[in-house]
C-alpha atoms as a PDB file:
ATOM      1  CA  MET A   1     119.069  95.082 105.007  1.00  0.00           C
ATOM      2  CA  PHE A   2     121.243  94.814 108.156  1.00  0.00           C
ATOM      3  CA  GLY A   3     124.350  95.466 106.451  1.00  0.00           C
ATOM      4  CA  ARG A   4     126.686  98.384 106.230  1.00  0.00           C
ATOM      5  CA  PRO A   5     125.647 101.318 104.558  1.00  0.00           C
ATOM      6  CA  GLY A   6     126.190 101.822 100.812  1.00  0.00           C
ATOM      7  CA  HIS A   7     125.925  98.064 100.867  1.00  0.00           C
ATOM      8  CA  ALA A   8     123.101  96.106  97.467  1.00  0.00           C
ATOM      9  CA  TYR A   9     121.189  93.956  98.873  1.00  0.00           C
ATOM     10  CA  VAL A  10     119.383  91.691  96.315  1.00  0.00           C
ATOM     11  CA  TYR A  11     116.286  89.470  96.856  1.00  0.00           C
ATOM     12  CA  LEU A  12     114.088  87.677  94.874  1.00  0.00           C
ATOM     13  CA  SER A  13     110.911  89.061  94.817  1.00  0.00           C
ATOM     14  CA  HIS A  14     107.835  86.259  94.210  1.00  0.00           C
ATOM     15  CA  GLY A  15     110.335  83.967  92.591  1.00  0.00           C
ATOM     16  CA  VAL A  16     110.718  85.662  89.261  1.00  0.00           C
ATOM     17  CA  TRP A  17     112.082  89.811  90.086  1.00  0.00           C
ATOM     18  CA  TYR A  18     115.591  90.179  92.206  1.00  0.00           C
ATOM     19  CA  CYS A  19     115.284  93.587  93.342  1.00  0.00           C
ATOM     20  CA  MET A  20     117.883  96.188  94.703  1.00  0.00           C
ATOM     21  CA  ASN A  21     118.525  98.190  98.057  1.00  0.00           C
ATOM     22  CA  VAL A  22     120.929 100.476  99.090  1.00  0.00           C
ATOM     23  CA  VAL A  23     121.317  99.810 102.962  1.00  0.00           C
ATOM     24  CA  ALA A  24     120.768 103.492 103.995  1.00  0.00           C
ATOM     25  CA  HIS A  25     121.200 103.042 108.867  1.00  0.00           C
ATOM     26  CA  PRO A  26     124.266 101.315 110.153  1.00  0.00           C
ATOM     27  CA  ASP A  27     125.005  97.626 110.916  1.00  0.00           C
ATOM     28  CA  GLY A  28     122.447  95.496 112.673  1.00  0.00           C
ATOM     29  CA  VAL A  29     120.215  98.055 112.394  1.00  0.00           C
ATOM     30  CA  PRO A  30     117.301  96.926 110.156  1.00  0.00           C
ATOM     31  CA  GLY A  31     116.862 100.095 106.571  1.00  0.00           C
ATOM     32  CA  ALA A  32     116.993 100.524 103.001  1.00  0.00           C
ATOM     33  CA  VAL A  33     115.693 101.799 100.399  1.00  0.00           C
ATOM     34  CA  LEU A  34     114.209  99.962  97.274  1.00  0.00           C
ATOM     35  CA  LEU A  35     115.843 101.028  93.735  1.00  0.00           C
ATOM     36  CA  ARG A  36     112.052 101.310  92.003  1.00  0.00           C
ATOM     37  CA  GLY A  37     113.348 102.735  88.694  1.00  0.00           C
ATOM     38  CA  ALA A  38     116.716 104.897  86.621  1.00  0.00           C
ATOM     39  CA  GLU A  39     116.841 107.421  84.432  1.00  0.00           C
ATOM     40  CA  PRO A  40     119.825 105.850  82.573  1.00  0.00           C
ATOM     41  CA  LEU A  41     122.171 108.345  80.578  1.00  0.00           C
ATOM     42  CA  GLU A  42     124.151 105.359  78.789  1.00  0.00           C
ATOM     43  CA  GLY A  43     123.859 101.703  77.955  1.00  0.00           C
ATOM     44  CA  PHE A  44     120.660 101.014  77.850  1.00  0.00           C
ATOM     45  CA  ALA A  45     117.847 101.834  74.504  1.00  0.00           C
ATOM     46  CA  GLU A  46     116.347 105.175  74.423  1.00  0.00           C
ATOM     47  CA  ASP A  47     113.040 103.208  75.169  1.00  0.00           C
ATOM     48  CA  ALA A  48     114.324 100.851  77.229  1.00  0.00           C
ATOM     49  CA  ARG A  49     112.164 100.045  80.107  1.00  0.00           C
ATOM     50  CA  LEU A  50     113.686 100.915  83.977  1.00  0.00           C
ATOM     51  CA  THR A  51     110.325 101.009  85.688  1.00  0.00           C
ATOM     52  CA  GLY A  52     108.845  99.030  88.854  1.00  0.00           C
ATOM     53  CA  PRO A  53     111.934  97.120  91.495  1.00  0.00           C
ATOM     54  CA  GLY A  54     111.793  94.535  89.059  1.00  0.00           C
ATOM     55  CA  LEU A  55     112.222  95.123  85.696  1.00  0.00           C
ATOM     56  CA  LEU A  56     114.774  97.831  86.781  1.00  0.00           C
ATOM     57  CA  GLY A  57     116.917  94.345  88.787  1.00  0.00           C
ATOM     58  CA  ARG A  58     116.287  92.564  85.014  1.00  0.00           C
ATOM     59  CA  ALA A  59     117.558  95.270  82.769  1.00  0.00           C
ATOM     60  CA  PHE A  60     120.765  95.605  85.177  1.00  0.00           C
ATOM     61  CA  ALA A  61     120.609  91.524  84.695  1.00  0.00           C
ATOM     62  CA  LEU A  62     120.527  91.236  88.970  1.00  0.00           C
ATOM     63  CA  SER A  63     120.846  88.236  90.714  1.00  0.00           C
ATOM     64  CA  THR A  64     121.722  87.601  94.296  1.00  0.00           C
ATOM     65  CA  ALA A  65     125.755  87.314  93.669  1.00  0.00           C
ATOM     66  CA  GLN A  66     125.558  91.106  93.961  1.00  0.00           C
ATOM     67  CA  SER A  67     123.578  90.852  96.985  1.00  0.00           C
ATOM     68  CA  GLY A  68     126.883  92.840  99.775  1.00  0.00           C
ATOM     69  CA  VAL A  69     128.202  94.434  96.640  1.00  0.00           C
ATOM     70  CA  ASP A  70     129.925  97.832  97.857  1.00  0.00           C
ATOM     71  CA  LEU A  71     128.174 100.020  95.862  1.00  0.00           C
ATOM     72  CA  VAL A  72     130.400 102.974  96.537  1.00  0.00           C
ATOM     73  CA  ARG A  73     133.611 101.240  96.151  1.00  0.00           C
ATOM     74  CA  SER A  74     132.902  98.637  93.553  1.00  0.00           C
ATOM     75  CA  THR A  75     132.514  98.800  89.073  1.00  0.00           C
ATOM     76  CA  LEU A  76     128.370  97.946  90.710  1.00  0.00           C
ATOM     77  CA  GLN A  77     128.368 101.460  91.543  1.00  0.00           C
ATOM     78  CA  LEU A  78     126.390 104.534  92.800  1.00  0.00           C
ATOM     79  CA  ARG A  79     127.012 107.876  91.770  1.00  0.00           C
ATOM     80  CA  ASP A  80     126.635 110.833  93.250  1.00  0.00           C
ATOM     81  CA  ALA A  81     124.402 113.264  90.415  1.00  0.00           C
ATOM     82  CA  PRO A  82     123.689 117.603  90.773  1.00  0.00           C
ATOM     83  CA  ARG A  83     121.779 117.927  93.462  1.00  0.00           C
ATOM     84  CA  VAL A  84     117.982 117.846  93.068  1.00  0.00           C
ATOM     85  CA  PRO A  85     115.883 121.427  93.584  1.00  0.00           C
ATOM     86  CA  PRO A  86     113.250 120.433  96.639  1.00  0.00           C
ATOM     87  CA  ARG A  87     110.742 121.932  94.459  1.00  0.00           C
ATOM     88  CA  LEU A  88     111.311 118.793  91.786  1.00  0.00           C
ATOM     89  CA  VAL A  89     110.932 116.208  95.028  1.00  0.00           C
ATOM     90  CA  ALA A  90     107.593 115.008  94.768  1.00  0.00           C
ATOM     91  CA  ARG A  91     106.887 112.362  97.798  1.00  0.00           C
ATOM     92  CA  GLY A  92     104.384 110.431  98.300  1.00  0.00           C
ATOM     93  CA  PRO A  93     102.888 106.944 100.401  1.00  0.00           C
ATOM     94  CA  ARG A  94     104.677 103.806  99.370  1.00  0.00           C
ATOM     95  CA  ILE A  95     104.110 101.584  96.749  1.00  0.00           C
ATOM     96  CA  GLY A  96     102.436  98.293  97.084  1.00  0.00           C
ATOM     97  CA  LEU A  97     102.241  98.975 101.593  1.00  0.00           C
ATOM     98  CA  GLY A  98      98.973  97.169 103.251  1.00  0.00           C
ATOM     99  CA  GLU A  99      97.232  98.807 105.864  1.00  0.00           C
ATOM    100  CA  GLY A 100      98.219  99.942 108.750  1.00  0.00           C
ATOM    101  CA  PRO A 101      99.415 103.035 110.639  1.00  0.00           C
ATOM    102  CA  THR A 102     102.457 104.062 108.101  1.00  0.00           C
ATOM    103  CA  SER A 103     101.127 102.954 104.269  1.00  0.00           C
ATOM    104  CA  THR A 104     100.477 106.162 104.043  1.00  0.00           C
ATOM    105  CA  ARG A 105     103.680 107.677 105.174  1.00  0.00           C
ATOM    106  CA  PRO A 106     105.298 109.582 102.241  1.00  0.00           C
ATOM    107  CA  TRP A 107     108.344 107.327 101.759  1.00  0.00           C
ATOM    108  CA  ARG A 108     107.573 107.231  98.465  1.00  0.00           C
ATOM    109  CA  LEU A 109     110.341 109.827  96.651  1.00  0.00           C
ATOM    110  CA  TRP A 110     110.489 110.635  93.301  1.00  0.00           C
ATOM    111  CA  ILE A 111     111.517 113.299  90.560  1.00  0.00           C
ATOM    112  CA  ARG A 112     108.988 114.957  88.804  1.00  0.00           C
ATOM    113  CA  ASP A 113     108.206 114.352  85.736  1.00  0.00           C
ATOM    114  CA  SER A 114     111.348 111.629  85.495  1.00  0.00           C
ATOM    115  CA  ALA A 115     110.551 108.744  83.354  1.00  0.00           C
ATOM    116  CA  GLY A 116     112.556 107.350  84.727  1.00  0.00           C
ATOM    117  CA  VAL A 117     110.156 106.380  88.168  1.00  0.00           C
ATOM    118  CA  SER A 118     107.348 103.483  88.309  1.00  0.00           C
ATOM    119  CA  ARG A 119     103.378 104.662  88.766  1.00  0.00           C
END
C-alpha cells in the first residue's frame, strides 16, 4: 500500500483468501482501495459469486504474484467505465472495521442495486 498509485497490492488474508487493493495515494504514503466485488461484463458464468474480497480474489485467481502490477498498463487492468451518476452511489461505514473514531465514517462506496456489491 506504499507503492505507486494505480498499482495492485495483493495480500493473503486469514491464510485463505487473496485480496486486492488498488494503491490510491502518492508513492511512500499508505493508502489504497480494497476491491470487494465486481459486476463482470464477460468471461464468467452468470451466477458467478464475485462479492466479497476473498471470493473476488478466488474468481480472478489472484496471488501475491500480482502484487505491484500496474493496473493501467498491464494485461491485468482496471478500465474506465461510464460515469456513475451521484444519485446511484451509496455510502456507508467500512465492513469489518472495529470500534474507534473512524469506524463509522462513510468510506465504503458502492453502486446502488448492483449485483456485484458485497453485503
